[in-house]
Amino acid sequence: MEPPDWPERRDVFKLCSDALSLQEVVEAARSPKCGAVSVFLGTTREDVVNGQKVIGLEYQAYESMVQSELSKLSRVIRERWPHVMHICLHHRLGWVSVGEASVIVAVSAPHRRDSEEAVQFCVTQLKALVPIWKKEVFEGGQCRWNENSECSWSQNHRSKTRTKTETKDQDQTQDHTQP
């Protein structure tokens, strides 16, 4: 199917310290030409890490680079899913309490498959490539910076990659040994 010629396509990216509005994001992504608006709503979850209860997250960003990276990401999404109409992403900065929205992504397309796949890809790439950092804050005031495991510079990403490589090397070694 030939991609439509839609001059009115839009991308809306917003970083803010105020509470996020699901309705605002959905409305920005809606189009009468589309039968699907897929949404991801990421919230700050109640968690216990090493026996300490998380009471909230604090987000920081390299804002001008975030806008540039999100623009690149939207171009990649449109290349992979040419029928995507609108992309809207809002992300909180600063303090976000447990239960509050940290990020909302909405994508519209004529059919749900494109919008669902594009939303999933967008969230994964957002966590892997976009310079937004989060600090977990615990009861008692302790805190720690948290790496997204999707980031190529993350310790978790490197150990997963190394483990896969080591496992593959071990499998190859075992295949070549004599009984």
C-alpha atoms as a PDB file:
ATOM      1  CA  MET A   1       0.000   0.000   0.000  1.00  0.00           C
ATOM      2  CA  GLU A   2       1.357   3.388  -1.038  1.00  0.00           C
ATOM      3  CA  PRO A   3       1.994   5.815   1.866  1.00  0.00           C
ATOM      4  CA  PRO A   4      -0.462   8.716   1.841  1.00  0.00           C
ATOM      5  CA  ASP A   5       0.612  12.245   1.012  1.00  0.00           C
ATOM      6  CA  TRP A   6      -0.306  13.985   4.285  1.00  0.00           C
ATOM      7  CA  PRO A   7       1.158  17.484   4.458  1.00  0.00           C
ATOM      8  CA  GLU A   8      -0.545  18.045   7.838  1.00  0.00           C
ATOM      9  CA  ARG A   9       1.475  15.396   9.724  1.00  0.00           C
ATOM     10  CA  ARG A  10       2.812  16.692  13.001  1.00  0.00           C
ATOM     11  CA  ASP A  11       5.187  15.762  15.764  1.00  0.00           C
ATOM     12  CA  VAL A  12       4.641  17.227  19.217  1.00  0.00           C
ATOM     13  CA  PHE A  13       7.394  16.891  21.833  1.00  0.00           C
ATOM     14  CA  LYS A  14       7.091  18.480  25.249  1.00  0.00           C
ATOM     15  CA  LEU A  15       9.296  18.435  28.327  1.00  0.00           C
ATOM     16  CA  CYS A  16       7.707  19.946  31.416  1.00  0.00           C
ATOM     17  CA  SER A  17       7.712  19.957  35.194  1.00  0.00           C
ATOM     18  CA  ASP A  18       3.897  20.027  35.418  1.00  0.00           C
ATOM     19  CA  ALA A  19       1.629  16.980  35.614  1.00  0.00           C
ATOM     20  CA  LEU A  20       1.105  15.340  32.228  1.00  0.00           C
ATOM     21  CA  SER A  21      -2.317  15.205  30.602  1.00  0.00           C
ATOM     22  CA  LEU A  22      -3.279  11.970  28.866  1.00  0.00           C
ATOM     23  CA  GLN A  23      -6.162  13.784  27.146  1.00  0.00           C
ATOM     24  CA  GLU A  24      -3.848  16.505  25.793  1.00  0.00           C
ATOM     25  CA  VAL A  25      -1.474  13.921  24.300  1.00  0.00           C
ATOM     26  CA  VAL A  26      -4.287  11.866  22.753  1.00  0.00           C
ATOM     27  CA  GLU A  27      -5.907  14.980  21.263  1.00  0.00           C
ATOM     28  CA  ALA A  28      -2.565  16.043  19.743  1.00  0.00           C
ATOM     29  CA  ALA A  29      -2.257  12.630  18.073  1.00  0.00           C
ATOM     30  CA  ARG A  30      -5.862  12.261  16.846  1.00  0.00           C
ATOM     31  CA  SER A  31      -6.795  12.602  13.215  1.00  0.00           C
ATOM     32  CA  PRO A  32     -10.071  12.011  11.366  1.00  0.00           C
ATOM     33  CA  LYS A  33      -7.974  10.157   8.741  1.00  0.00           C
ATOM     34  CA  CYS A  34      -6.872   7.591  11.332  1.00  0.00           C
ATOM     35  CA  GLY A  35      -8.738   4.720  12.925  1.00  0.00           C
ATOM     36  CA  ALA A  36      -6.128   4.145  15.636  1.00  0.00           C
ATOM     37  CA  VAL A  37      -4.408   6.147  18.334  1.00  0.00           C
ATOM     38  CA  SER A  38      -2.096   3.936  20.370  1.00  0.00           C
ATOM     39  CA  VAL A  39      -0.857   5.191  23.727  1.00  0.00           C
ATOM     40  CA  PHE A  40       1.860   4.341  26.219  1.00  0.00           C
ATOM     41  CA  LEU A  41       1.521   5.830  29.699  1.00  0.00           C
ATOM     42  CA  GLY A  42       4.600   5.338  31.879  1.00  0.00           C
ATOM     43  CA  THR A  43       4.171   5.985  35.588  1.00  0.00           C
ATOM     44  CA  THR A  44       6.465   6.117  38.579  1.00  0.00           C
ATOM     45  CA  ARG A  45       5.935   2.806  40.316  1.00  0.00           C
ATOM     46  CA  GLU A  46       6.102   1.964  43.978  1.00  0.00           C
ATOM     47  CA  ASP A  47       9.228  -0.142  44.375  1.00  0.00           C
ATOM     48  CA  VAL A  48      11.663  -1.431  46.978  1.00  0.00           C
ATOM     49  CA  VAL A  49      15.351  -1.472  46.024  1.00  0.00           C
ATOM     50  CA  ASN A  50      17.854  -3.094  48.378  1.00  0.00           C
ATOM     51  CA  GLY A  51      15.314  -2.817  51.181  1.00  0.00           C
ATOM     52  CA  GLN A  52      14.608   0.891  50.552  1.00  0.00           C
ATOM     53  CA  LYS A  53      11.189   2.152  49.465  1.00  0.00           C
ATOM     54  CA  VAL A  54      11.121   4.430  46.393  1.00  0.00           C
ATOM     55  CA  ILE A  55       9.018   7.543  47.048  1.00  0.00           C
ATOM     56  CA  GLY A  56       9.577   9.242  43.695  1.00  0.00           C
ATOM     57  CA  LEU A  57      11.821   9.944  40.743  1.00  0.00           C
ATOM     58  CA  GLU A  58      13.652  13.078  39.726  1.00  0.00           C
ATOM     59  CA  TYR A  59      14.211  13.558  35.994  1.00  0.00           C
ATOM     60  CA  GLN A  60      16.838  15.734  34.324  1.00  0.00           C
ATOM     61  CA  ALA A  61      17.520  16.241  30.636  1.00  0.00           C
ATOM     62  CA  TYR A  62      19.857  17.841  28.145  1.00  0.00           C
ATOM     63  CA  GLU A  63      16.843  19.645  26.677  1.00  0.00           C
ATOM     64  CA  SER A  64      18.164  20.912  23.335  1.00  0.00           C
ATOM     65  CA  MET A  65      19.630  17.496  22.571  1.00  0.00           C
ATOM     66  CA  VAL A  66      16.375  15.801  23.621  1.00  0.00           C
ATOM     67  CA  GLN A  67      14.471  17.801  20.995  1.00  0.00           C
ATOM     68  CA  SER A  68      17.057  16.921  18.336  1.00  0.00           C
ATOM     69  CA  GLU A  69      17.008  13.203  19.227  1.00  0.00           C
ATOM     70  CA  LEU A  70      13.194  13.101  19.271  1.00  0.00           C
ATOM     71  CA  SER A  71      13.105  14.700  15.816  1.00  0.00           C
ATOM     72  CA  LYS A  72      15.499  12.017  14.542  1.00  0.00           C
ATOM     73  CA  LEU A  73      13.368   9.345  16.192  1.00  0.00           C
ATOM     74  CA  SER A  74      10.189  10.606  14.515  1.00  0.00           C
ATOM     75  CA  ARG A  75      11.927  10.466  11.110  1.00  0.00           C
ATOM     76  CA  VAL A  76      12.941   6.842  11.761  1.00  0.00           C
ATOM     77  CA  ILE A  77       9.391   5.979  12.832  1.00  0.00           C
ATOM     78  CA  ARG A  78       7.976   7.509   9.656  1.00  0.00           C
ATOM     79  CA  GLU A  79      10.479   5.575   7.528  1.00  0.00           C
ATOM     80  CA  ARG A  80       9.541   2.275   9.186  1.00  0.00           C
ATOM     81  CA  TRP A  81       5.797   2.989   9.390  1.00  0.00           C
ATOM     82  CA  PRO A  82       5.007   5.411   6.532  1.00  0.00           C
ATOM     83  CA  HIS A  83       1.289   5.465   7.392  1.00  0.00           C
ATOM     84  CA  VAL A  84       1.860   7.038  10.806  1.00  0.00           C
ATOM     85  CA  MET A  85       0.071  10.388  10.928  1.00  0.00           C
ATOM     86  CA  HIS A  86       0.898  12.146  14.223  1.00  0.00           C
ATOM     87  CA  ILE A  87       3.437  11.455  16.964  1.00  0.00           C
ATOM     88  CA  CYS A  88       3.090  13.079  20.383  1.00  0.00           C
ATOM     89  CA  LEU A  89       5.463  12.573  23.311  1.00  0.00           C
ATOM     90  CA  HIS A  90       5.345  14.407  26.636  1.00  0.00           C
ATOM     91  CA  HIS A  91       7.940  13.721  29.338  1.00  0.00           C
ATOM     92  CA  ARG A  92       8.147  15.053  32.879  1.00  0.00           C
ATOM     93  CA  LEU A  93      11.233  16.717  34.267  1.00  0.00           C
ATOM     94  CA  GLY A  94      11.918  17.338  37.938  1.00  0.00           C
ATOM     95  CA  TRP A  95      10.073  15.556  40.743  1.00  0.00           C
ATOM     96  CA  VAL A  96       7.539  12.806  39.905  1.00  0.00           C
ATOM     97  CA  SER A  97       5.800  11.073  42.815  1.00  0.00           C
ATOM     98  CA  VAL A  98       4.832   7.408  42.866  1.00  0.00           C
ATOM     99  CA  GLY A  99       1.685   6.893  40.781  1.00  0.00           C
ATOM    100  CA  GLU A 100       2.164   9.991  38.610  1.00  0.00           C
ATOM    101  CA  ALA A 101       2.829   9.881  34.865  1.00  0.00           C
ATOM    102  CA  SER A 102       6.464  10.253  33.805  1.00  0.00           C
ATOM    103  CA  VAL A 103       5.964   9.878  30.056  1.00  0.00           C
ATOM    104  CA  ILE A 104       3.077   9.643  27.606  1.00  0.00           C
ATOM    105  CA  VAL A 105       3.488   8.644  23.965  1.00  0.00           C
ATOM    106  CA  ALA A 106       0.663   8.578  21.418  1.00  0.00           C
ATOM    107  CA  VAL A 107       0.838   7.691  17.732  1.00  0.00           C
ATOM    108  CA  SER A 108      -1.973   7.757  15.185  1.00  0.00           C
ATOM    109  CA  ALA A 109      -2.269   5.746  11.985  1.00  0.00           C
ATOM    110  CA  PRO A 110      -5.099   4.500   9.773  1.00  0.00           C
ATOM    111  CA  HIS A 111      -4.738   1.008  11.283  1.00  0.00           C
ATOM    112  CA  ARG A 112      -3.761  -0.159  14.776  1.00  0.00           C
ATOM    113  CA  ARG A 113      -0.822  -2.363  13.849  1.00  0.00           C
ATOM    114  CA  ASP A 114       1.278   0.565  12.621  1.00  0.00           C
ATOM    115  CA  SER A 115       0.395   2.744  15.606  1.00  0.00           C
ATOM    116  CA  GLU A 116       0.977  -0.034  18.165  1.00  0.00           C
ATOM    117  CA  GLU A 117       4.348  -1.028  16.715  1.00  0.00           C
ATOM    118  CA  ALA A 118       5.432   2.597  16.374  1.00  0.00           C
ATOM    119  CA  VAL A 119       4.559   3.365  20.021  1.00  0.00           C
ATOM    120  CA  GLN A 120       6.508   0.353  21.269  1.00  0.00           C
ATOM    121  CA  PHE A 121       9.522   1.277  19.122  1.00  0.00           C
ATOM    122  CA  CYS A 122       9.312   4.906  20.229  1.00  0.00           C
ATOM    123  CA  VAL A 123       9.376   4.036  23.944  1.00  0.00           C
ATOM    124  CA  THR A 124      12.274   1.607  23.521  1.00  0.00           C
ATOM    125  CA  GLN A 125      14.310   4.122  21.528  1.00  0.00           C
ATOM    126  CA  LEU A 126      13.425   6.958  23.908  1.00  0.00           C
ATOM    127  CA  LYS A 127      14.941   4.979  26.782  1.00  0.00           C
ATOM    128  CA  ALA A 128      17.964   3.899  24.732  1.00  0.00           C
ATOM    129  CA  LEU A 129      18.946   7.106  22.939  1.00  0.00           C
ATOM    130  CA  VAL A 130      17.396  10.243  24.390  1.00  0.00           C
ATOM    131  CA  PRO A 131      19.397  12.072  27.113  1.00  0.00           C
ATOM    132  CA  ILE A 132      16.840  12.029  29.929  1.00  0.00           C
ATOM    133  CA  TRP A 133      18.138  10.764  33.271  1.00  0.00           C
ATOM    134  CA  LYS A 134      16.255   9.629  36.345  1.00  0.00           C
ATOM    135  CA  LYS A 135      17.233   9.539  39.988  1.00  0.00           C
ATOM    136  CA  GLU A 136      15.379   7.230  42.376  1.00  0.00           C
ATOM    137  CA  VAL A 137      14.626   8.891  45.708  1.00  0.00           C
ATOM    138  CA  PHE A 138      14.048   6.705  48.763  1.00  0.00           C
ATOM    139  CA  GLU A 139      12.382   7.185  52.143  1.00  0.00           C
ATOM    140  CA  GLY A 140      14.913   8.876  54.386  1.00  0.00           C
ATOM    141  CA  GLY A 141      16.292  11.027  51.560  1.00  0.00           C
ATOM    142  CA  GLN A 142      18.823   8.628  50.042  1.00  0.00           C
ATOM    143  CA  CYS A 143      18.944   8.563  46.265  1.00  0.00           C
ATOM    144  CA  ARG A 144      20.701   6.940  43.309  1.00  0.00           C
ATOM    145  CA  TRP A 145      20.900   7.614  39.588  1.00  0.00           C
ATOM    146  CA  ASN A 146      19.251   4.848  37.607  1.00  0.00           C
ATOM    147  CA  GLU A 147      20.496   3.653  34.216  1.00  0.00           C
ATOM    148  CA  ASN A 148      18.099   2.406  31.568  1.00  0.00           C
ATOM    149  CA  SER A 149      19.306  -1.054  30.569  1.00  0.00           C
ATOM    150  CA  GLU A 150      18.497  -0.180  26.933  1.00  0.00           C
ATOM    151  CA  CYS A 151      21.271   2.452  26.825  1.00  0.00           C
ATOM    152  CA  SER A 152      24.435   1.322  25.060  1.00  0.00           C
ATOM    153  CA  TRP A 153      26.528   3.057  27.751  1.00  0.00           C
ATOM    154  CA  SER A 154      24.645   1.327  30.588  1.00  0.00           C
ATOM    155  CA  GLN A 155      26.452  -1.150  32.812  1.00  0.00           C
ATOM    156  CA  ASN A 156      23.358  -3.419  32.568  1.00  0.00           C
ATOM    157  CA  HIS A 157      23.438  -3.278  28.744  1.00  0.00           C
ATOM    158  CA  ARG A 158      27.153  -4.140  28.657  1.00  0.00           C
ATOM    159  CA  SER A 159      26.765  -7.069  31.055  1.00  0.00           C
ATOM    160  CA  LYS A 160      23.814  -8.446  29.049  1.00  0.00           C
ATOM    161  CA  THR A 161      25.801  -8.103  25.818  1.00  0.00           C
ATOM    162  CA  ARG A 162      28.893  -9.648  27.427  1.00  0.00           C
ATOM    163  CA  THR A 163      26.855 -12.537  28.856  1.00  0.00           C
ATOM    164  CA  LYS A 164      25.350 -13.289  25.444  1.00  0.00           C
ATOM    165  CA  THR A 165      28.812 -13.188  23.832  1.00  0.00           C
ATOM    166  CA  GLU A 166      30.359 -15.346  26.572  1.00  0.00           C
ATOM    167  CA  THR A 167      27.524 -17.873  26.290  1.00  0.00           C
ATOM    168  CA  LYS A 168      27.941 -17.999  22.511  1.00  0.00           C
ATOM    169  CA  ASP A 169      31.730 -18.453  22.893  1.00  0.00           C
ATOM    170  CA  GLN A 170      31.198 -21.229  25.463  1.00  0.00           C
ATOM    171  CA  ASP A 171      28.706 -22.977  23.177  1.00  0.00           C
ATOM    172  CA  GLN A 172      31.185 -22.821  20.284  1.00  0.00           C
ATOM    173  CA  THR A 173      33.986 -24.147  22.514  1.00  0.00           C
ATOM    174  CA  GLN A 174      31.817 -27.015  23.688  1.00  0.00           C
ATOM    175  CA  ASP A 175      30.880 -27.865  20.089  1.00  0.00           C
ATOM    176  CA  HIS A 176      34.552 -28.223  19.144  1.00  0.00           C
ATOM    177  CA  THR A 177      35.772 -30.315  22.095  1.00  0.00           C
ATOM    178  CA  GLN A 178      36.451 -34.021  21.773  1.00  0.00           C
ATOM    179  CA  PRO A 179      34.484 -36.408  24.022  1.00  0.00           C
END
